[in-house]
């Protein structure tokens, strides 16, 4: 069994939230799901950036 990285999990959850939001009419619930999707994408990108080999501590 292949282990899913946290970035993959967050991306998957983001896609699910976005898909659910598309099914809803405009309103608070849809906006909340869209916001959740964006937050998950941002968290995934930040985590990926922080764990990249190119990131070096300040000298």
PDB file of N, CA and C in Angstrom:
ATOM      1  N   UNK A   1       0.835  -1.185   0.000  1.00  0.00           N
ATOM      2  CA  UNK A   1       0.000   0.000   0.000  1.00  0.00           C
ATOM      3  C   UNK A   1       0.881   1.250   0.000  1.00  0.00           C
ATOM      4  N   UNK A   2       0.577   2.183  -0.903  1.00  0.00           N
ATOM      5  CA  UNK A   2       1.371   3.395  -1.046  1.00  0.00           C
ATOM      6  C   UNK A   2       0.858   4.463  -0.088  1.00  0.00           C
ATOM      7  N   UNK A   3       1.777   5.097   0.601  1.00  0.00           N
ATOM      8  CA  UNK A   3       1.406   6.143   1.556  1.00  0.00           C
ATOM      9  C   UNK A   3       1.195   7.468   0.826  1.00  0.00           C
ATOM     10  N   UNK A   4       0.139   8.168   1.185  1.00  0.00           N
ATOM     11  CA  UNK A   4      -0.182   9.457   0.591  1.00  0.00           C
ATOM     12  C   UNK A   4       0.505  10.556   1.389  1.00  0.00           C
ATOM     13  N   UNK A   5       1.183  11.465   0.674  1.00  0.00           N
ATOM     14  CA  UNK A   5       1.821  12.585   1.365  1.00  0.00           C
ATOM     15  C   UNK A   5       0.752  13.569   1.833  1.00  0.00           C
ATOM     16  N   UNK A   6       1.132  14.407   2.761  1.00  0.00           N
ATOM     17  CA  UNK A   6       0.189  15.392   3.292  1.00  0.00           C
ATOM     18  C   UNK A   6      -0.231  16.362   2.193  1.00  0.00           C
ATOM     19  N   UNK A   7       0.712  16.711   1.286  1.00  0.00           N
ATOM     20  CA  UNK A   7       0.371  17.600   0.187  1.00  0.00           C
ATOM     21  C   UNK A   7      -0.674  16.960  -0.723  1.00  0.00           C
ATOM     22  N   UNK A   8      -0.524  15.673  -0.997  1.00  0.00           N
ATOM     23  CA  UNK A   8      -1.489  14.964  -1.835  1.00  0.00           C
ATOM     24  C   UNK A   8      -2.855  14.915  -1.153  1.00  0.00           C
ATOM     25  N   UNK A   9      -2.849  14.672   0.142  1.00  0.00           N
ATOM     26  CA  UNK A   9      -4.100  14.608   0.894  1.00  0.00           C
ATOM     27  C   UNK A   9      -4.807  15.961   0.877  1.00  0.00           C
ATOM     28  N   UNK A  10      -4.044  17.032   1.106  1.00  0.00           N
ATOM     29  CA  UNK A  10      -4.624  18.366   1.095  1.00  0.00           C
ATOM     30  C   UNK A  10      -5.154  18.716  -0.287  1.00  0.00           C
ATOM     31  N   UNK A  11      -4.427  18.324  -1.328  1.00  0.00           N
ATOM     32  CA  UNK A  11      -4.886  18.579  -2.694  1.00  0.00           C
ATOM     33  C   UNK A  11      -6.191  17.826  -2.956  1.00  0.00           C
ATOM     34  N   UNK A  12      -6.253  16.594  -2.533  1.00  0.00           N
ATOM     35  CA  UNK A  12      -7.458  15.783  -2.711  1.00  0.00           C
ATOM     36  C   UNK A  12      -8.643  16.409  -1.979  1.00  0.00           C
ATOM     37  N   UNK A  13      -8.430  16.825  -0.747  1.00  0.00           N
ATOM     38  CA  UNK A  13      -9.497  17.467   0.031  1.00  0.00           C
ATOM     39  C   UNK A  13      -9.929  18.785  -0.616  1.00  0.00           C
ATOM     40  N   UNK A  14      -8.969  19.509  -1.171  1.00  0.00           N
ATOM     41  CA  UNK A  14      -9.273  20.754  -1.858  1.00  0.00           C
ATOM     42  C   UNK A  14     -10.164  20.501  -3.069  1.00  0.00           C
ATOM     43  N   UNK A  15      -9.829  19.495  -3.850  1.00  0.00           N
ATOM     44  CA  UNK A  15     -10.630  19.150  -5.026  1.00  0.00           C
ATOM     45  C   UNK A  15     -12.041  18.718  -4.613  1.00  0.00           C
ATOM     46  N   UNK A  16     -12.146  17.967  -3.545  1.00  0.00           N
ATOM     47  CA  UNK A  16     -13.456  17.533  -3.052  1.00  0.00           C
ATOM     48  C   UNK A  16     -14.300  18.734  -2.612  1.00  0.00           C
ATOM     49  N   UNK A  17     -13.683  19.654  -1.883  1.00  0.00           N
ATOM     50  CA  UNK A  17     -14.401  20.840  -1.414  1.00  0.00           C
ATOM     51  C   UNK A  17     -14.848  21.686  -2.600  1.00  0.00           C
ATOM     52  N   UNK A  18     -13.976  21.831  -3.585  1.00  0.00           N
ATOM     53  CA  UNK A  18     -14.318  22.612  -4.770  1.00  0.00           C
ATOM     54  C   UNK A  18     -15.470  21.966  -5.534  1.00  0.00           C
ATOM     55  N   UNK A  19     -15.432  20.638  -5.660  1.00  0.00           N
ATOM     56  CA  UNK A  19     -16.503  19.918  -6.337  1.00  0.00           C
ATOM     57  C   UNK A  19     -17.838  20.066  -5.616  1.00  0.00           C
ATOM     58  N   UNK A  20     -17.818  19.999  -4.294  1.00  0.00           N
ATOM     59  CA  UNK A  20     -19.041  20.184  -3.511  1.00  0.00           C
ATOM     60  C   UNK A  20     -19.555  21.621  -3.650  1.00  0.00           C
ATOM     61  N   UNK A  21     -18.639  22.579  -3.667  1.00  0.00           N
ATOM     62  CA  UNK A  21     -19.039  23.981  -3.794  1.00  0.00           C
ATOM     63  C   UNK A  21     -19.732  24.231  -5.126  1.00  0.00           C
ATOM     64  N   UNK A  22     -19.252  23.600  -6.180  1.00  0.00           N
ATOM     65  CA  UNK A  22     -19.846  23.797  -7.505  1.00  0.00           C
ATOM     66  C   UNK A  22     -21.289  23.311  -7.574  1.00  0.00           C
ATOM     67  N   UNK A  23     -21.652  22.390  -6.710  1.00  0.00           N
ATOM     68  CA  UNK A  23     -23.013  21.843  -6.694  1.00  0.00           C
ATOM     69  C   UNK A  23     -23.996  22.761  -5.978  1.00  0.00           C
ATOM     70  N   UNK A  24     -23.467  23.719  -5.211  1.00  0.00           N
ATOM     71  CA  UNK A  24     -24.320  24.585  -4.395  1.00  0.00           C
ATOM     72  C   UNK A  24     -24.609  25.905  -5.099  1.00  0.00           C
ATOM     73  N   UNK A  25     -25.750  26.507  -4.798  1.00  0.00           N
ATOM     74  CA  UNK A  25     -26.026  27.845  -5.322  1.00  0.00           C
ATOM     75  C   UNK A  25     -25.152  28.863  -4.582  1.00  0.00           C
ATOM     76  N   UNK A  26     -24.941  30.024  -5.177  1.00  0.00           N
ATOM     77  CA  UNK A  26     -24.162  31.056  -4.480  1.00  0.00           C
ATOM     78  C   UNK A  26     -24.742  31.325  -3.087  1.00  0.00           C
ATOM     79  N   UNK A  27     -23.854  31.475  -2.128  1.00  0.00           N
ATOM     80  CA  UNK A  27     -24.284  31.739  -0.757  1.00  0.00           C
ATOM     81  C   UNK A  27     -23.170  31.446   0.223  1.00  0.00           C
ATOM     82  N   UNK A  28     -23.514  31.488   1.498  1.00  0.00           N
ATOM     83  CA  UNK A  28     -22.520  31.304   2.563  1.00  0.00           C
ATOM     84  C   UNK A  28     -21.865  29.926   2.531  1.00  0.00           C
ATOM     85  N   UNK A  29     -22.657  28.890   2.320  1.00  0.00           N
ATOM     86  CA  UNK A  29     -22.118  27.533   2.346  1.00  0.00           C
ATOM     87  C   UNK A  29     -21.136  27.318   1.196  1.00  0.00           C
ATOM     88  N   UNK A  30     -21.488  27.802   0.011  1.00  0.00           N
ATOM     89  CA  UNK A  30     -20.610  27.669  -1.150  1.00  0.00           C
ATOM     90  C   UNK A  30     -19.323  28.461  -0.927  1.00  0.00           C
ATOM     91  N   UNK A  31     -19.458  29.673  -0.436  1.00  0.00           N
ATOM     92  CA  UNK A  31     -18.291  30.515  -0.180  1.00  0.00           C
ATOM     93  C   UNK A  31     -17.360  29.862   0.846  1.00  0.00           C
ATOM     94  N   UNK A  32     -17.928  29.242   1.855  1.00  0.00           N
ATOM     95  CA  UNK A  32     -17.119  28.573   2.883  1.00  0.00           C
ATOM     96  C   UNK A  32     -16.343  27.398   2.288  1.00  0.00           C
ATOM     97  N   UNK A  33     -16.986  26.631   1.414  1.00  0.00           N
ATOM     98  CA  UNK A  33     -16.293  25.503   0.783  1.00  0.00           C
ATOM     99  C   UNK A  33     -15.198  25.984  -0.175  1.00  0.00           C
ATOM    100  N   UNK A  34     -15.466  27.061  -0.897  1.00  0.00           N
ATOM    101  CA  UNK A  34     -14.447  27.619  -1.792  1.00  0.00           C
ATOM    102  C   UNK A  34     -13.260  28.142  -0.995  1.00  0.00           C
ATOM    103  N   UNK A  35     -13.537  28.783   0.152  1.00  0.00           N
ATOM    104  CA  UNK A  35     -12.469  29.282   1.019  1.00  0.00           C
ATOM    105  C   UNK A  35     -11.648  28.113   1.575  1.00  0.00           C
ATOM    106  N   UNK A  36     -12.326  27.051   1.979  1.00  0.00           N
ATOM    107  CA  UNK A  36     -11.637  25.865   2.496  1.00  0.00           C
ATOM    108  C   UNK A  36     -10.729  25.279   1.415  1.00  0.00           C
ATOM    109  N   UNK A  37     -11.213  25.220   0.174  1.00  0.00           N
ATOM    110  CA  UNK A  37     -10.414  24.693  -0.931  1.00  0.00           C
ATOM    111  C   UNK A  37      -9.158  25.536  -1.132  1.00  0.00           C
ATOM    112  N   UNK A  38      -9.304  26.856  -1.121  1.00  0.00           N
ATOM    113  CA  UNK A  38      -8.145  27.747  -1.290  1.00  0.00           C
ATOM    114  C   UNK A  38      -7.151  27.591  -0.137  1.00  0.00           C
ATOM    115  N   UNK A  39      -7.662  27.460   1.082  1.00  0.00           N
ATOM    116  CA  UNK A  39      -6.778  27.309   2.244  1.00  0.00           C
ATOM    117  C   UNK A  39      -5.987  26.007   2.159  1.00  0.00           C
ATOM    118  N   UNK A  40      -6.633  24.944   1.740  1.00  0.00           N
ATOM    119  CA  UNK A  40      -5.950  23.658   1.602  1.00  0.00           C
ATOM    120  C   UNK A  40      -4.880  23.716   0.515  1.00  0.00           C
ATOM    121  N   UNK A  41      -5.180  24.387  -0.592  1.00  0.00           N
ATOM    122  CA  UNK A  41      -4.186  24.542  -1.659  1.00  0.00           C
ATOM    123  C   UNK A  41      -2.991  25.349  -1.164  1.00  0.00           C
ATOM    124  N   UNK A  42      -3.268  26.425  -0.449  1.00  0.00           N
ATOM    125  CA  UNK A  42      -2.198  27.275   0.079  1.00  0.00           C
ATOM    126  C   UNK A  42      -1.339  26.501   1.073  1.00  0.00           C
ATOM    127  N   UNK A  43      -1.964  25.754   1.961  1.00  0.00           N
ATOM    128  CA  UNK A  43      -1.211  24.952   2.936  1.00  0.00           C
ATOM    129  C   UNK A  43      -0.318  23.947   2.232  1.00  0.00           C
ATOM    130  N   UNK A  44      -0.837  23.316   1.197  1.00  0.00           N
ATOM    131  CA  UNK A  44      -0.066  22.343   0.438  1.00  0.00           C
ATOM    132  C   UNK A  44       1.142  23.006  -0.220  1.00  0.00           C
ATOM    133  N   UNK A  45       0.927  24.164  -0.827  1.00  0.00           N
ATOM    134  CA  UNK A  45       2.020  24.873  -1.498  1.00  0.00           C
ATOM    135  C   UNK A  45       3.074  25.347  -0.509  1.00  0.00           C
ATOM    136  N   UNK A  46       2.646  25.861   0.631  1.00  0.00           N
ATOM    137  CA  UNK A  46       3.598  26.326   1.645  1.00  0.00           C
ATOM    138  C   UNK A  46       4.410  25.154   2.183  1.00  0.00           C
ATOM    139  N   UNK A  47       3.746  24.046   2.479  1.00  0.00           N
ATOM    140  CA  UNK A  47       4.451  22.883   2.990  1.00  0.00           C
ATOM    141  C   UNK A  47       5.455  22.357   1.957  1.00  0.00           C
ATOM    142  N   UNK A  48       5.061  22.348   0.701  1.00  0.00           N
ATOM    143  CA  UNK A  48       5.952  21.894  -0.370  1.00  0.00           C
ATOM    144  C   UNK A  48       7.163  22.825  -0.464  1.00  0.00           C
ATOM    145  N   UNK A  49       6.914  24.129  -0.386  1.00  0.00           N
ATOM    146  CA  UNK A  49       7.993  25.093  -0.460  1.00  0.00           C
ATOM    147  C   UNK A  49       8.948  24.945   0.727  1.00  0.00           C
ATOM    148  N   UNK A  50       8.393  24.782   1.928  1.00  0.00           N
ATOM    149  CA  UNK A  50       9.238  24.656   3.119  1.00  0.00           C
ATOM    150  C   UNK A  50      10.090  23.395   3.109  1.00  0.00           C
ATOM    151  N   UNK A  51       9.610  22.354   2.459  1.00  0.00           N
ATOM    152  CA  UNK A  51      10.368  21.106   2.443  1.00  0.00           C
ATOM    153  C   UNK A  51      11.224  20.954   1.188  1.00  0.00           C
ATOM    154  N   UNK A  52      11.297  21.999   0.352  1.00  0.00           N
ATOM    155  CA  UNK A  52      12.075  21.907  -0.875  1.00  0.00           C
ATOM    156  C   UNK A  52      13.569  21.958  -0.569  1.00  0.00           C
ATOM    157  N   UNK A  53      14.331  21.341  -1.447  1.00  0.00           N
ATOM    158  CA  UNK A  53      15.782  21.312  -1.288  1.00  0.00           C
ATOM    159  C   UNK A  53      16.399  22.690  -1.546  1.00  0.00           C
ATOM    160  N   UNK A  54      15.720  23.527  -2.325  1.00  0.00           N
ATOM    161  CA  UNK A  54      16.246  24.851  -2.659  1.00  0.00           C
ATOM    162  C   UNK A  54      16.171  25.832  -1.494  1.00  0.00           C
ATOM    163  N   UNK A  55      15.275  25.569  -0.560  1.00  0.00           N
ATOM    164  CA  UNK A  55      15.126  26.468   0.578  1.00  0.00           C
ATOM    165  C   UNK A  55      16.305  26.294   1.516  1.00  0.00           C
ATOM    166  N   UNK A  56      16.980  27.383   1.764  1.00  0.00           N
ATOM    167  CA  UNK A  56      18.156  27.349   2.644  1.00  0.00           C
ATOM    168  C   UNK A  56      17.927  28.307   3.793  1.00  0.00           C
ATOM    169  N   UNK A  57      18.452  27.991   4.969  1.00  0.00           N
ATOM    170  CA  UNK A  57      18.296  28.909   6.094  1.00  0.00           C
ATOM    171  C   UNK A  57      19.072  30.215   5.834  1.00  0.00           C
ATOM    172  N   UNK A  58      18.635  31.314   6.426  1.00  0.00           N
ATOM    173  CA  UNK A  58      19.375  32.581   6.235  1.00  0.00           C
ATOM    174  C   UNK A  58      20.784  32.462   6.781  1.00  0.00           C
ATOM    175  N   UNK A  59      21.708  33.151   6.107  1.00  0.00           N
ATOM    176  CA  UNK A  59      23.104  33.095   6.585  1.00  0.00           C
ATOM    177  C   UNK A  59      23.495  34.337   7.322  1.00  0.00           C
TER     178      UNK A  59
END
